[in-house]
Structure formats: C-alpha cells, structure tokens
C-alpha cells in the first residue's frame, strides 16, 4: 500500500518512513489527550518528536559524506560532466527494497560500462559505507571516481575520500599517510594542504602506537 512494501527497515529511507508513521500515530494520540485534558503539553511533546525526526532525516541524508568530511564541495557534480541520474532509478529501487547486494552489483556494472559515470561511483560509495559497511567496496568506488573525474579539483575530492576511508573505516593509519602524501604530491593546490600535512604527522604517531 502506498508503495511502502518496497521499503526495508534496514535502509535509511525505510527507517525514516517508519519513524514518520509512528509519529503520525503519536501526534493523533497527543491531540486526543490534549482535548480531553484541556492541556497543550501532549501537543508540545509531539512537536518535539517531529523536530527530532526532522534532524534524524537531515543527518541520515548527509552520510558518504561522513567519509568526505570537509570535501563535499569538491566531489559534488558540476553538471555537464555528469550523465543523467535517471539511468540509476532502477538501482535506487533495489536499494529501497533492501536488495543491497544486487544494487551494489548493478552500480559496478554501470561503472564498468560507462567511463564518464561519476554518479554511479558516488552512489556505490554511499551504499558501501552507509548500508553494506564495506570499506573495501567504498575504496573501489572512490578510486574509480578519481580516475573518471574531469578536473583536478574533483579528482582530489575522491582521493581525499580514499584517505579518509583508510583512516576512519579501516583504521589503517600507515596507508592513510601514504594516500595523503600522494594527494599533496599530485594535487598541490588541494584546499587545506597545511592541515593535511599536520594530519600526516598525527597519523604517523598513531601508526607507531598501533604497531
């Protein structure tokens, strides 16, 4: 009914829809209680609940994203260089149904077939980190994105994603240092180059402690 049978509670979209449905019921009960008790307290509590759900939706929508702290502007599509996202609608439908492995395979097929397709790289990376918890697959997507990006600015953005995945998801600090050094050598105009150099020193210390 209403297409909700295609949503899975294991996906971000499914969880959000479930919470909204719960809050609809809670709000109805709050309105009834408020009318019976002559008090606005239940309604205020319901409004607070809606605010929490809205914040949850915003946070859920912000995640690749978590691997690309501070570099979202670098990896966002520029428009003309990115194919139409309509070709991915069927894959997004697989994600909405919770058929995540099939969706990942479909994105990989698109990546193999179209060397210009950055959208597939970005969405596969999101799926790998957010739903599949597969950092190796996310690394593949980010590296493919770097190969395909039409300009150094976006290439550097994908390269930073690779470094962040090594640091945050794989906890491989030595590998993260290698990736950051590669970025500074290949993309000398990358934003926050000074901060990246400082991070290299921090990660070197963490790598030594972890050994």
N, C-alpha and C. Protein backbone atom coordinates (compact mmCIF):
# COMPACT_ATOMS: atom_id res chain seq x y z
N UNK A 1 0.84 -1.19 0.00
CA UNK A 1 0.00 0.00 0.00
C UNK A 1 0.87 1.24 0.00
N UNK A 2 0.52 2.22 -0.87
CA UNK A 2 1.26 3.48 -0.97
C UNK A 2 2.72 3.24 -1.29
N UNK A 3 3.07 2.04 -1.79
CA UNK A 3 4.46 1.77 -2.14
C UNK A 3 5.35 1.45 -0.96
N UNK A 4 4.81 1.38 0.24
CA UNK A 4 5.65 1.16 1.42
C UNK A 4 6.15 -0.27 1.50
N UNK A 5 5.54 -1.19 0.74
CA UNK A 5 6.01 -2.56 0.79
C UNK A 5 7.41 -2.69 0.19
N UNK A 6 7.86 -1.66 -0.55
CA UNK A 6 9.17 -1.71 -1.18
C UNK A 6 10.26 -1.16 -0.27
N UNK A 7 9.90 -0.64 0.88
CA UNK A 7 10.88 -0.07 1.79
C UNK A 7 11.29 -1.09 2.83
N UNK A 8 12.55 -1.11 3.14
CA UNK A 8 13.07 -2.03 4.16
C UNK A 8 13.53 -1.25 5.38
N UNK A 9 13.28 -1.83 6.55
CA UNK A 9 13.72 -1.18 7.79
C UNK A 9 15.23 -1.18 7.92
N UNK A 10 15.92 -1.93 7.03
CA UNK A 10 17.37 -1.94 7.09
C UNK A 10 17.99 -0.78 6.33
N UNK A 11 17.17 -0.02 5.57
CA UNK A 11 17.69 1.13 4.84
C UNK A 11 17.36 2.41 5.57
N UNK A 12 18.13 3.46 5.27
CA UNK A 12 17.89 4.76 5.91
C UNK A 12 16.50 5.26 5.58
N UNK A 13 16.10 5.11 4.31
CA UNK A 13 14.78 5.59 3.90
C UNK A 13 13.67 4.82 4.62
N UNK A 14 13.86 3.49 4.75
CA UNK A 14 12.84 2.69 5.43
C UNK A 14 12.70 3.07 6.89
N UNK A 15 13.85 3.31 7.56
CA UNK A 15 13.79 3.71 8.97
C UNK A 15 13.09 5.05 9.13
N UNK A 16 13.39 5.98 8.21
CA UNK A 16 12.80 7.31 8.31
C UNK A 16 11.28 7.24 8.13
N UNK A 17 10.83 6.48 7.12
CA UNK A 17 9.39 6.34 6.89
C UNK A 17 8.71 5.69 8.08
N UNK A 18 9.35 4.69 8.68
CA UNK A 18 8.78 4.03 9.86
C UNK A 18 8.61 5.01 11.01
N UNK A 19 9.64 5.84 11.24
CA UNK A 19 9.56 6.83 12.32
C UNK A 19 8.46 7.84 12.06
N UNK A 20 8.31 8.27 10.81
CA UNK A 20 7.24 9.22 10.47
C UNK A 20 5.88 8.61 10.75
N UNK A 21 5.70 7.33 10.38
CA UNK A 21 4.41 6.66 10.62
C UNK A 21 4.12 6.58 12.12
N UNK A 22 5.17 6.27 12.90
CA UNK A 22 4.98 6.21 14.36
C UNK A 22 4.57 7.56 14.89
N UNK A 23 5.22 8.62 14.40
CA UNK A 23 4.93 9.96 14.91
C UNK A 23 3.53 10.42 14.51
N UNK A 24 3.03 9.96 13.37
CA UNK A 24 1.65 10.30 12.98
C UNK A 24 0.68 9.76 14.03
N UNK A 25 0.92 8.51 14.44
CA UNK A 25 0.06 7.90 15.46
C UNK A 25 0.22 8.63 16.79
N UNK A 26 1.46 8.92 17.17
CA UNK A 26 1.71 9.62 18.44
C UNK A 26 1.05 10.99 18.44
N UNK A 27 1.11 11.69 17.31
CA UNK A 27 0.51 13.02 17.23
C UNK A 27 -1.01 12.95 17.38
N UNK A 28 -1.61 11.94 16.75
CA UNK A 28 -3.05 11.78 16.86
C UNK A 28 -3.46 11.54 18.31
N UNK A 29 -2.69 10.69 19.01
CA UNK A 29 -2.98 10.41 20.41
C UNK A 29 -2.79 11.67 21.25
N UNK A 30 -1.73 12.46 20.92
CA UNK A 30 -1.46 13.69 21.67
C UNK A 30 -2.60 14.69 21.50
N UNK A 31 -3.12 14.81 20.30
CA UNK A 31 -4.24 15.72 20.07
C UNK A 31 -5.47 15.30 20.88
N UNK A 32 -5.71 13.98 20.93
CA UNK A 32 -6.85 13.47 21.69
C UNK A 32 -6.66 13.72 23.18
N UNK A 33 -5.45 13.45 23.68
CA UNK A 33 -5.19 13.68 25.10
C UNK A 33 -5.31 15.16 25.44
N UNK A 34 -4.79 16.01 24.54
CA UNK A 34 -4.87 17.44 24.80
C UNK A 34 -6.30 17.92 24.88
N UNK A 35 -7.16 17.38 24.00
CA UNK A 35 -8.56 17.78 24.02
C UNK A 35 -9.26 17.31 25.29
N UNK A 36 -8.93 16.08 25.72
CA UNK A 36 -9.57 15.52 26.92
C UNK A 36 -9.09 16.24 28.18
N UNK A 37 -7.79 16.49 28.26
CA UNK A 37 -7.21 17.08 29.47
C UNK A 37 -7.24 18.60 29.46
N UNK A 38 -7.53 19.18 28.31
CA UNK A 38 -7.51 20.64 28.21
C UNK A 38 -6.12 21.20 28.39
N UNK A 39 -5.10 20.46 27.91
CA UNK A 39 -3.71 20.86 28.10
C UNK A 39 -2.96 20.81 26.76
N UNK A 40 -2.01 21.72 26.61
CA UNK A 40 -1.20 21.75 25.39
C UNK A 40 0.07 20.92 25.52
N UNK A 41 0.32 20.34 26.69
CA UNK A 41 1.56 19.61 26.92
C UNK A 41 1.73 18.43 25.97
N UNK A 42 0.70 17.58 25.76
CA UNK A 42 0.90 16.46 24.82
C UNK A 42 1.25 16.92 23.42
N UNK A 43 0.63 18.01 22.97
CA UNK A 43 0.91 18.51 21.62
C UNK A 43 2.34 19.05 21.52
N UNK A 44 2.80 19.74 22.57
CA UNK A 44 4.17 20.25 22.58
C UNK A 44 5.16 19.09 22.51
N UNK A 45 4.87 18.01 23.25
CA UNK A 45 5.75 16.84 23.23
C UNK A 45 5.79 16.22 21.83
N UNK A 46 4.63 16.19 21.17
CA UNK A 46 4.58 15.65 19.81
C UNK A 46 5.39 16.51 18.85
N UNK A 47 5.30 17.82 19.00
CA UNK A 47 6.06 18.73 18.15
C UNK A 47 7.57 18.52 18.34
N UNK A 48 7.97 18.27 19.58
CA UNK A 48 9.38 17.98 19.85
C UNK A 48 9.81 16.70 19.13
N UNK A 49 8.93 15.69 19.15
CA UNK A 49 9.22 14.44 18.46
C UNK A 49 9.41 14.65 16.97
N UNK A 50 8.55 15.49 16.36
CA UNK A 50 8.70 15.79 14.94
C UNK A 50 10.03 16.48 14.66
N UNK A 51 10.45 17.36 15.55
CA UNK A 51 11.73 18.06 15.37
C UNK A 51 12.89 17.07 15.40
N UNK A 52 12.82 16.09 16.31
CA UNK A 52 13.87 15.08 16.41
C UNK A 52 13.94 14.26 15.12
N UNK A 53 12.78 13.87 14.59
CA UNK A 53 12.75 13.07 13.37
C UNK A 53 13.30 13.87 12.19
N UNK A 54 12.96 15.16 12.14
CA UNK A 54 13.49 16.01 11.06
C UNK A 54 15.01 16.06 11.13
N UNK A 55 15.55 16.22 12.33
CA UNK A 55 17.01 16.25 12.49
C UNK A 55 17.61 14.91 12.07
N UNK A 56 16.95 13.81 12.41
CA UNK A 56 17.43 12.48 12.02
C UNK A 56 17.50 12.36 10.51
N UNK A 57 16.43 12.85 9.83
CA UNK A 57 16.40 12.79 8.38
C UNK A 57 17.53 13.58 7.75
N UNK A 58 17.81 14.75 8.32
CA UNK A 58 18.90 15.58 7.79
C UNK A 58 20.24 14.89 7.97
N UNK A 59 20.44 14.29 9.15
CA UNK A 59 21.72 13.62 9.43
C UNK A 59 21.90 12.41 8.52
N UNK A 60 20.82 11.59 8.36
CA UNK A 60 20.92 10.41 7.52
C UNK A 60 21.26 10.80 6.09
N UNK A 61 20.69 11.93 5.63
CA UNK A 61 20.92 12.34 4.26
C UNK A 61 22.31 12.89 4.03
N UNK A 62 23.05 13.08 5.11
CA UNK A 62 24.37 13.71 4.95
C UNK A 62 25.53 12.73 4.87
N UNK A 63 25.21 11.43 4.97
CA UNK A 63 26.31 10.46 5.18
C UNK A 63 26.93 10.05 3.79
N UNK A 64 28.11 9.85 3.03
CA UNK A 64 29.38 9.49 2.17
C UNK A 64 30.48 10.20 2.71
N UNK A 65 30.34 11.29 2.26
CA UNK A 65 29.67 12.23 3.16
C UNK A 65 30.38 12.14 4.49
N UNK A 66 30.16 11.20 5.36
CA UNK A 66 30.96 11.16 6.60
C UNK A 66 32.40 10.83 6.27
N UNK A 67 32.61 10.06 5.20
CA UNK A 67 33.99 9.76 4.81
C UNK A 67 34.65 10.95 4.15
N UNK A 68 33.83 11.88 3.67
CA UNK A 68 34.40 13.02 2.97
C UNK A 68 34.27 14.30 3.73
N UNK A 69 34.58 14.28 5.02
CA UNK A 69 34.48 15.48 5.85
C UNK A 69 35.25 16.62 5.22
N UNK A 70 34.55 17.73 5.01
CA UNK A 70 35.21 18.92 4.51
C UNK A 70 35.49 18.91 3.03
N UNK A 71 35.11 17.82 2.30
CA UNK A 71 35.42 17.78 0.87
C UNK A 71 34.17 17.57 0.03
N UNK A 72 33.00 17.72 0.60
CA UNK A 72 31.77 17.50 -0.17
C UNK A 72 31.70 18.43 -1.37
N UNK A 73 32.11 19.67 -1.17
CA UNK A 73 32.05 20.62 -2.28
C UNK A 73 32.96 20.21 -3.42
N UNK A 74 34.01 19.45 -3.12
CA UNK A 74 34.94 19.03 -4.16
C UNK A 74 34.33 17.94 -5.01
N UNK A 75 33.57 17.03 -4.41
CA UNK A 75 33.08 15.87 -5.13
C UNK A 75 31.69 16.05 -5.71
N UNK A 76 31.01 17.15 -5.40
CA UNK A 76 29.68 17.34 -5.95
C UNK A 76 29.73 17.48 -7.46
N UNK A 77 28.74 16.91 -8.18
CA UNK A 77 28.74 17.01 -9.64
C UNK A 77 28.70 18.45 -10.10
N UNK A 78 29.40 18.74 -11.20
CA UNK A 78 29.41 20.09 -11.75
C UNK A 78 28.29 20.30 -12.74
N UNK A 79 27.64 19.23 -13.20
CA UNK A 79 26.50 19.37 -14.09
C UNK A 79 26.77 18.74 -15.43
N UNK A 80 27.44 19.47 -16.34
CA UNK A 80 27.61 18.99 -17.69
C UNK A 80 28.49 17.75 -17.77
N UNK A 81 29.39 17.56 -16.81
CA UNK A 81 30.30 16.42 -16.87
C UNK A 81 29.68 15.15 -16.33
N UNK A 82 28.49 15.22 -15.76
CA UNK A 82 27.87 14.07 -15.12
C UNK A 82 26.67 13.59 -15.92
N UNK A 83 26.61 12.29 -16.29
CA UNK A 83 25.45 11.78 -17.02
C UNK A 83 24.18 11.92 -16.21
N UNK A 84 23.05 11.80 -16.87
CA UNK A 84 21.75 11.91 -16.20
C UNK A 84 21.62 10.84 -15.13
N UNK A 85 21.10 11.25 -13.97
CA UNK A 85 20.92 10.28 -12.87
C UNK A 85 19.70 9.40 -13.09
N UNK A 86 18.91 9.68 -14.13
CA UNK A 86 17.71 8.87 -14.37
C UNK A 86 18.07 7.42 -14.63
N UNK A 87 19.25 7.18 -15.20
CA UNK A 87 19.64 5.81 -15.51
C UNK A 87 19.83 4.98 -14.25
N UNK A 88 19.92 5.62 -13.08
CA UNK A 88 20.14 4.89 -11.84
C UNK A 88 18.84 4.63 -11.06
N UNK A 89 17.71 5.03 -11.60
CA UNK A 89 16.47 4.93 -10.84
C UNK A 89 16.14 3.48 -10.49
N UNK A 90 16.40 2.56 -11.41
CA UNK A 90 16.10 1.15 -11.12
C UNK A 90 17.01 0.61 -10.02
N UNK A 91 18.25 1.08 -9.98
CA UNK A 91 19.16 0.64 -8.91
C UNK A 91 18.71 1.21 -7.57
N UNK A 92 18.27 2.47 -7.56
CA UNK A 92 17.77 3.06 -6.33
C UNK A 92 16.54 2.30 -5.83
N UNK A 93 15.74 1.79 -6.76
CA UNK A 93 14.58 0.99 -6.36
C UNK A 93 15.02 -0.29 -5.66
N UNK A 94 16.12 -0.89 -6.13
CA UNK A 94 16.65 -2.08 -5.45
C UNK A 94 17.08 -1.74 -4.03
N UNK A 95 17.73 -0.58 -3.87
CA UNK A 95 18.15 -0.15 -2.54
C UNK A 95 16.93 0.03 -1.63
N UNK A 96 15.88 0.67 -2.16
CA UNK A 96 14.68 0.92 -1.37
C UNK A 96 14.02 -0.39 -0.94
N UNK A 97 14.17 -1.43 -1.73
CA UNK A 97 13.59 -2.74 -1.39
C UNK A 97 14.50 -3.55 -0.47
N UNK A 98 15.68 -3.00 -0.16
CA UNK A 98 16.60 -3.72 0.70
C UNK A 98 17.45 -4.74 -0.02
N UNK A 99 17.44 -4.73 -1.36
CA UNK A 99 18.24 -5.67 -2.15
C UNK A 99 19.60 -5.02 -2.40
N UNK A 100 20.35 -4.88 -1.34
CA UNK A 100 21.56 -4.06 -1.35
C UNK A 100 22.68 -4.68 -2.17
N UNK A 101 22.88 -5.99 -2.04
CA UNK A 101 23.94 -6.64 -2.80
C UNK A 101 23.69 -6.54 -4.30
N UNK A 102 22.42 -6.71 -4.70
CA UNK A 102 22.08 -6.57 -6.12
C UNK A 102 22.33 -5.15 -6.60
N UNK A 103 21.99 -4.18 -5.76
CA UNK A 103 22.21 -2.78 -6.12
C UNK A 103 23.70 -2.50 -6.29
N UNK A 104 24.52 -3.04 -5.39
CA UNK A 104 25.96 -2.84 -5.50
C UNK A 104 26.50 -3.44 -6.79
N UNK A 105 26.05 -4.65 -7.13
CA UNK A 105 26.48 -5.28 -8.37
C UNK A 105 26.05 -4.47 -9.58
N UNK A 106 24.84 -3.91 -9.51
CA UNK A 106 24.35 -3.09 -10.62
C UNK A 106 25.17 -1.82 -10.80
N UNK A 107 25.53 -1.18 -9.69
CA UNK A 107 26.37 0.00 -9.79
C UNK A 107 27.74 -0.34 -10.37
N UNK A 108 28.29 -1.48 -9.97
CA UNK A 108 29.59 -1.90 -10.52
C UNK A 108 29.49 -2.14 -12.02
N UNK A 109 28.36 -2.69 -12.46
CA UNK A 109 28.16 -2.92 -13.89
C UNK A 109 28.10 -1.59 -14.66
N UNK A 110 27.42 -0.60 -14.07
CA UNK A 110 27.35 0.72 -14.70
C UNK A 110 28.74 1.35 -14.77
N UNK A 111 29.50 1.22 -13.70
CA UNK A 111 30.86 1.78 -13.66
C UNK A 111 31.72 1.14 -14.75
N UNK A 112 31.59 -0.17 -14.92
CA UNK A 112 32.38 -0.86 -15.93
C UNK A 112 31.96 -0.46 -17.34
N UNK A 113 30.67 -0.14 -17.52
CA UNK A 113 30.15 0.14 -18.86
C UNK A 113 30.34 1.58 -19.31
N UNK A 114 30.37 2.53 -18.36
CA UNK A 114 30.39 3.94 -18.72
C UNK A 114 31.53 4.66 -18.01
N UNK A 115 32.62 4.96 -18.72
CA UNK A 115 33.77 5.61 -18.07
C UNK A 115 33.51 7.05 -17.65
N UNK A 116 32.37 7.63 -18.04
CA UNK A 116 32.07 9.02 -17.65
C UNK A 116 31.21 9.11 -16.40
N UNK A 117 30.72 7.98 -15.93
CA UNK A 117 29.68 8.00 -14.91
C UNK A 117 30.26 8.16 -13.51
N UNK A 118 30.23 9.39 -13.01
CA UNK A 118 30.67 9.65 -11.63
C UNK A 118 29.56 9.39 -10.62
N UNK A 119 28.31 9.54 -11.07
CA UNK A 119 27.18 9.34 -10.16
C UNK A 119 27.19 7.91 -9.61
N UNK A 120 27.46 6.94 -10.48
CA UNK A 120 27.50 5.55 -10.03
C UNK A 120 28.60 5.35 -9.00
N UNK A 121 29.75 6.00 -9.19
CA UNK A 121 30.85 5.90 -8.22
C UNK A 121 30.43 6.47 -6.87
N UNK A 122 29.80 7.66 -6.90
CA UNK A 122 29.39 8.32 -5.66
C UNK A 122 28.34 7.49 -4.93
N UNK A 123 27.35 6.98 -5.67
CA UNK A 123 26.27 6.24 -5.02
C UNK A 123 26.71 4.87 -4.53
N UNK A 124 27.62 4.24 -5.27
CA UNK A 124 28.15 2.97 -4.78
C UNK A 124 28.94 3.20 -3.50
N UNK A 125 29.71 4.29 -3.45
CA UNK A 125 30.45 4.59 -2.23
C UNK A 125 29.54 4.83 -1.05
N UNK A 126 28.44 5.56 -1.27
CA UNK A 126 27.47 5.81 -0.21
C UNK A 126 26.87 4.49 0.27
N UNK A 127 26.46 3.66 -0.68
CA UNK A 127 25.85 2.37 -0.33
C UNK A 127 26.82 1.50 0.45
N UNK A 128 28.07 1.47 0.01
CA UNK A 128 29.07 0.63 0.66
C UNK A 128 29.32 1.05 2.11
N UNK A 129 29.42 2.36 2.34
CA UNK A 129 29.71 2.83 3.70
C UNK A 129 28.49 2.84 4.60
N UNK A 130 27.36 3.32 4.06
CA UNK A 130 26.20 3.57 4.90
C UNK A 130 25.39 2.31 5.18
N UNK A 131 25.23 1.46 4.17
CA UNK A 131 24.35 0.30 4.31
C UNK A 131 25.11 -1.01 4.41
N UNK A 132 26.08 -1.23 3.51
CA UNK A 132 26.77 -2.51 3.47
C UNK A 132 27.92 -2.60 4.46
N UNK A 133 28.38 -1.44 4.97
CA UNK A 133 29.52 -1.41 5.89
C UNK A 133 30.72 -2.14 5.27
N UNK A 134 31.00 -1.82 4.02
CA UNK A 134 32.04 -2.48 3.26
C UNK A 134 33.06 -1.43 2.79
N UNK A 135 34.06 -1.12 3.61
CA UNK A 135 35.01 -0.07 3.23
C UNK A 135 35.84 -0.41 2.00
N UNK A 136 36.09 -1.68 1.75
CA UNK A 136 36.86 -2.04 0.56
C UNK A 136 36.08 -1.71 -0.71
N UNK A 137 34.79 -1.94 -0.69
CA UNK A 137 33.97 -1.57 -1.83
C UNK A 137 33.90 -0.06 -1.98
N UNK A 138 33.84 0.64 -0.86
CA UNK A 138 33.85 2.11 -0.90
C UNK A 138 35.16 2.63 -1.48
N UNK A 139 36.28 1.98 -1.14
CA UNK A 139 37.57 2.36 -1.71
C UNK A 139 37.57 2.18 -3.22
N UNK A 140 37.02 1.07 -3.67
CA UNK A 140 36.92 0.84 -5.12
C UNK A 140 36.15 1.96 -5.79
N UNK A 141 35.01 2.32 -5.22
CA UNK A 141 34.18 3.38 -5.81
C UNK A 141 34.91 4.72 -5.85
N UNK A 142 35.61 5.05 -4.75
CA UNK A 142 36.32 6.33 -4.70
C UNK A 142 37.48 6.36 -5.69
N UNK A 143 38.19 5.26 -5.81
CA UNK A 143 39.31 5.22 -6.76
C UNK A 143 38.81 5.31 -8.20
N UNK A 144 37.70 4.66 -8.48
CA UNK A 144 37.12 4.78 -9.83
C UNK A 144 36.67 6.21 -10.09
N UNK A 145 36.12 6.85 -9.07
CA UNK A 145 35.70 8.23 -9.22
C UNK A 145 36.88 9.14 -9.53
N UNK A 146 38.01 8.90 -8.85
CA UNK A 146 39.20 9.72 -9.11
C UNK A 146 39.67 9.54 -10.54
N UNK A 147 39.62 8.32 -11.06
CA UNK A 147 40.06 8.07 -12.44
C UNK A 147 39.18 8.80 -13.46
N UNK A 148 37.88 8.90 -13.16
CA UNK A 148 36.92 9.40 -14.13
C UNK A 148 36.69 10.90 -14.03
N UNK A 149 37.00 11.49 -12.88
CA UNK A 149 36.69 12.91 -12.66
C UNK A 149 37.35 13.77 -13.74
N UNK A 150 36.63 14.76 -14.27
CA UNK A 150 37.14 15.53 -15.41
C UNK A 150 38.12 16.63 -15.06
N UNK A 151 38.29 16.94 -13.77
CA UNK A 151 39.19 18.03 -13.42
C UNK A 151 39.91 17.70 -12.11
N UNK A 152 41.07 18.32 -11.88
CA UNK A 152 41.87 18.00 -10.68
C UNK A 152 41.14 18.25 -9.37
N UNK A 153 40.25 19.25 -9.35
CA UNK A 153 39.53 19.56 -8.11
C UNK A 153 38.68 18.38 -7.67
N UNK A 154 37.95 17.79 -8.57
CA UNK A 154 37.11 16.65 -8.21
C UNK A 154 37.94 15.40 -8.02
N UNK A 155 39.01 15.24 -8.78
CA UNK A 155 39.91 14.11 -8.57
C UNK A 155 40.46 14.13 -7.14
N UNK A 156 40.86 15.32 -6.68
CA UNK A 156 41.38 15.44 -5.32
C UNK A 156 40.31 15.10 -4.29
N UNK A 157 39.06 15.45 -4.58
CA UNK A 157 37.98 15.12 -3.65
C UNK A 157 37.84 13.63 -3.46
N UNK A 158 37.87 12.87 -4.56
CA UNK A 158 37.78 11.42 -4.45
C UNK A 158 39.02 10.85 -3.76
N UNK A 159 40.19 11.43 -4.05
CA UNK A 159 41.41 10.95 -3.40
C UNK A 159 41.35 11.16 -1.89
N UNK A 160 40.76 12.28 -1.46
CA UNK A 160 40.59 12.52 -0.03
C UNK A 160 39.63 11.51 0.59
N UNK A 161 38.62 11.11 -0.16
CA UNK A 161 37.72 10.07 0.34
C UNK A 161 38.49 8.77 0.59
N UNK A 162 39.39 8.43 -0.32
CA UNK A 162 40.20 7.23 -0.14
C UNK A 162 40.99 7.32 1.17
N UNK A 163 41.65 8.45 1.38
CA UNK A 163 42.44 8.62 2.60
C UNK A 163 41.57 8.54 3.85
N UNK A 164 40.40 9.15 3.80
CA UNK A 164 39.51 9.14 4.97
C UNK A 164 38.97 7.75 5.28
N UNK A 165 38.69 6.98 4.24
CA UNK A 165 38.22 5.61 4.45
C UNK A 165 39.33 4.78 5.10
N UNK A 166 40.56 4.95 4.61
CA UNK A 166 41.69 4.23 5.22
C UNK A 166 41.83 4.59 6.69
N UNK A 167 41.66 5.87 7.01
CA UNK A 167 41.82 6.34 8.39
C UNK A 167 40.66 5.93 9.28
N UNK A 168 39.43 6.23 8.84
CA UNK A 168 38.27 6.11 9.72
C UNK A 168 37.64 4.73 9.73
N UNK A 169 37.60 4.07 8.59
CA UNK A 169 36.88 2.79 8.49
C UNK A 169 37.82 1.59 8.59
N UNK A 170 38.98 1.68 7.96
CA UNK A 170 39.93 0.57 8.02
C UNK A 170 40.90 0.70 9.19
N UNK A 171 41.00 1.91 9.78
CA UNK A 171 41.95 2.17 10.86
C UNK A 171 43.37 1.82 10.44
N UNK A 172 43.65 1.99 9.15
CA UNK A 172 44.97 1.71 8.60
C UNK A 172 45.69 3.06 8.46
N UNK A 173 46.33 3.49 9.54
CA UNK A 173 46.91 4.83 9.58
C UNK A 173 48.12 4.96 8.65
N UNK A 174 48.90 3.88 8.53
CA UNK A 174 50.03 3.93 7.62
C UNK A 174 49.58 4.12 6.18
N UNK A 175 48.54 3.42 5.81
CA UNK A 175 48.00 3.55 4.45
C UNK A 175 47.41 4.93 4.23
N UNK A 176 46.76 5.47 5.26
CA UNK A 176 46.21 6.82 5.16
C UNK A 176 47.31 7.85 4.94
N UNK A 177 48.45 7.66 5.61
CA UNK A 177 49.59 8.56 5.42
C UNK A 177 50.07 8.51 3.97
N UNK A 178 50.17 7.31 3.42
CA UNK A 178 50.59 7.15 2.02
C UNK A 178 49.64 7.89 1.09
N UNK A 179 48.35 7.75 1.34
CA UNK A 179 47.35 8.39 0.47
C UNK A 179 47.42 9.91 0.58
N UNK A 180 47.60 10.43 1.78
CA UNK A 180 47.68 11.87 1.96
C UNK A 180 48.93 12.45 1.29
N UNK A 181 50.03 11.73 1.39
CA UNK A 181 51.24 12.18 0.72
C UNK A 181 51.05 12.19 -0.80
N UNK A 182 50.37 11.19 -1.31
CA UNK A 182 50.10 11.13 -2.74
C UNK A 182 49.24 12.32 -3.18
N UNK A 183 48.26 12.66 -2.35
CA UNK A 183 47.39 13.79 -2.67
C UNK A 183 48.19 15.09 -2.74
N UNK A 184 49.05 15.31 -1.75
CA UNK A 184 49.83 16.55 -1.73
C UNK A 184 50.79 16.62 -2.92
N UNK A 185 51.32 15.47 -3.33
CA UNK A 185 52.24 15.46 -4.47
C UNK A 185 51.51 15.65 -5.79
N UNK A 186 50.35 15.03 -5.91
CA UNK A 186 49.63 15.06 -7.20
C UNK A 186 48.74 16.28 -7.33
N UNK A 187 48.19 16.76 -6.20
CA UNK A 187 47.26 17.89 -6.24
C UNK A 187 47.79 18.99 -5.30
N UNK A 188 48.82 19.68 -5.68
CA UNK A 188 49.44 20.68 -4.78
C UNK A 188 48.51 21.82 -4.41
N UNK A 189 47.46 22.05 -5.20
CA UNK A 189 46.53 23.14 -4.91
C UNK A 189 45.31 22.68 -4.11
N UNK A 190 45.36 21.47 -3.55
CA UNK A 190 44.22 20.97 -2.79
C UNK A 190 43.93 21.90 -1.61
N UNK A 191 42.65 22.17 -1.31
CA UNK A 191 42.32 23.02 -0.15
C UNK A 191 42.88 22.42 1.15
N UNK A 192 43.26 23.29 2.07
CA UNK A 192 43.73 22.87 3.39
C UNK A 192 44.96 21.97 3.32
N UNK A 193 45.87 22.29 2.39
CA UNK A 193 47.08 21.48 2.27
C UNK A 193 47.88 21.48 3.58
N UNK A 194 47.92 22.62 4.25
CA UNK A 194 48.63 22.69 5.52
C UNK A 194 48.03 21.76 6.56
N UNK A 195 46.70 21.70 6.60
CA UNK A 195 46.04 20.80 7.55
C UNK A 195 46.33 19.35 7.21
N UNK A 196 46.41 19.02 5.93
CA UNK A 196 46.72 17.65 5.54
C UNK A 196 48.13 17.26 5.97
N UNK A 197 49.07 18.20 5.87
CA UNK A 197 50.44 17.91 6.31
C UNK A 197 50.48 17.66 7.82
N UNK A 198 49.72 18.45 8.57
CA UNK A 198 49.66 18.24 10.01
C UNK A 198 49.01 16.90 10.33
N UNK A 199 48.01 16.53 9.55
CA UNK A 199 47.33 15.25 9.80
C UNK A 199 48.27 14.09 9.52
N UNK A 200 49.13 14.23 8.53
CA UNK A 200 50.11 13.18 8.25
C UNK A 200 50.96 12.91 9.48
N UNK A 201 51.41 13.97 10.15
CA UNK A 201 52.22 13.80 11.35
C UNK A 201 51.43 13.12 12.46
N UNK A 202 50.17 13.49 12.61
CA UNK A 202 49.32 12.87 13.63
C UNK A 202 49.13 11.38 13.34
N UNK A 203 48.89 11.07 12.07
CA UNK A 203 48.64 9.67 11.69
C UNK A 203 49.91 8.83 11.82
N UNK A 204 51.06 9.43 11.55
CA UNK A 204 52.33 8.70 11.73
C UNK A 204 52.49 8.29 13.18
N UNK A 205 52.15 9.19 14.10
CA UNK A 205 52.23 8.87 15.52
C UNK A 205 51.24 7.76 15.90
N UNK A 206 50.02 7.85 15.36
CA UNK A 206 49.00 6.83 15.65
C UNK A 206 49.43 5.48 15.07
N UNK A 207 50.06 5.51 13.89
CA UNK A 207 50.52 4.26 13.27
C UNK A 207 51.58 3.60 14.13
N UNK A 208 52.49 4.39 14.68
CA UNK A 208 53.54 3.83 15.54
C UNK A 208 52.96 3.26 16.81
N UNK A 209 51.95 3.93 17.37
CA UNK A 209 51.32 3.43 18.60
C UNK A 209 50.58 2.12 18.36
N UNK A 210 50.00 1.98 17.17
CA UNK A 210 49.20 0.79 16.87
C UNK A 210 50.06 -0.43 16.57
N UNK A 211 51.34 -0.23 16.31
CA UNK A 211 52.21 -1.37 15.94
C UNK A 211 52.60 -2.19 17.17
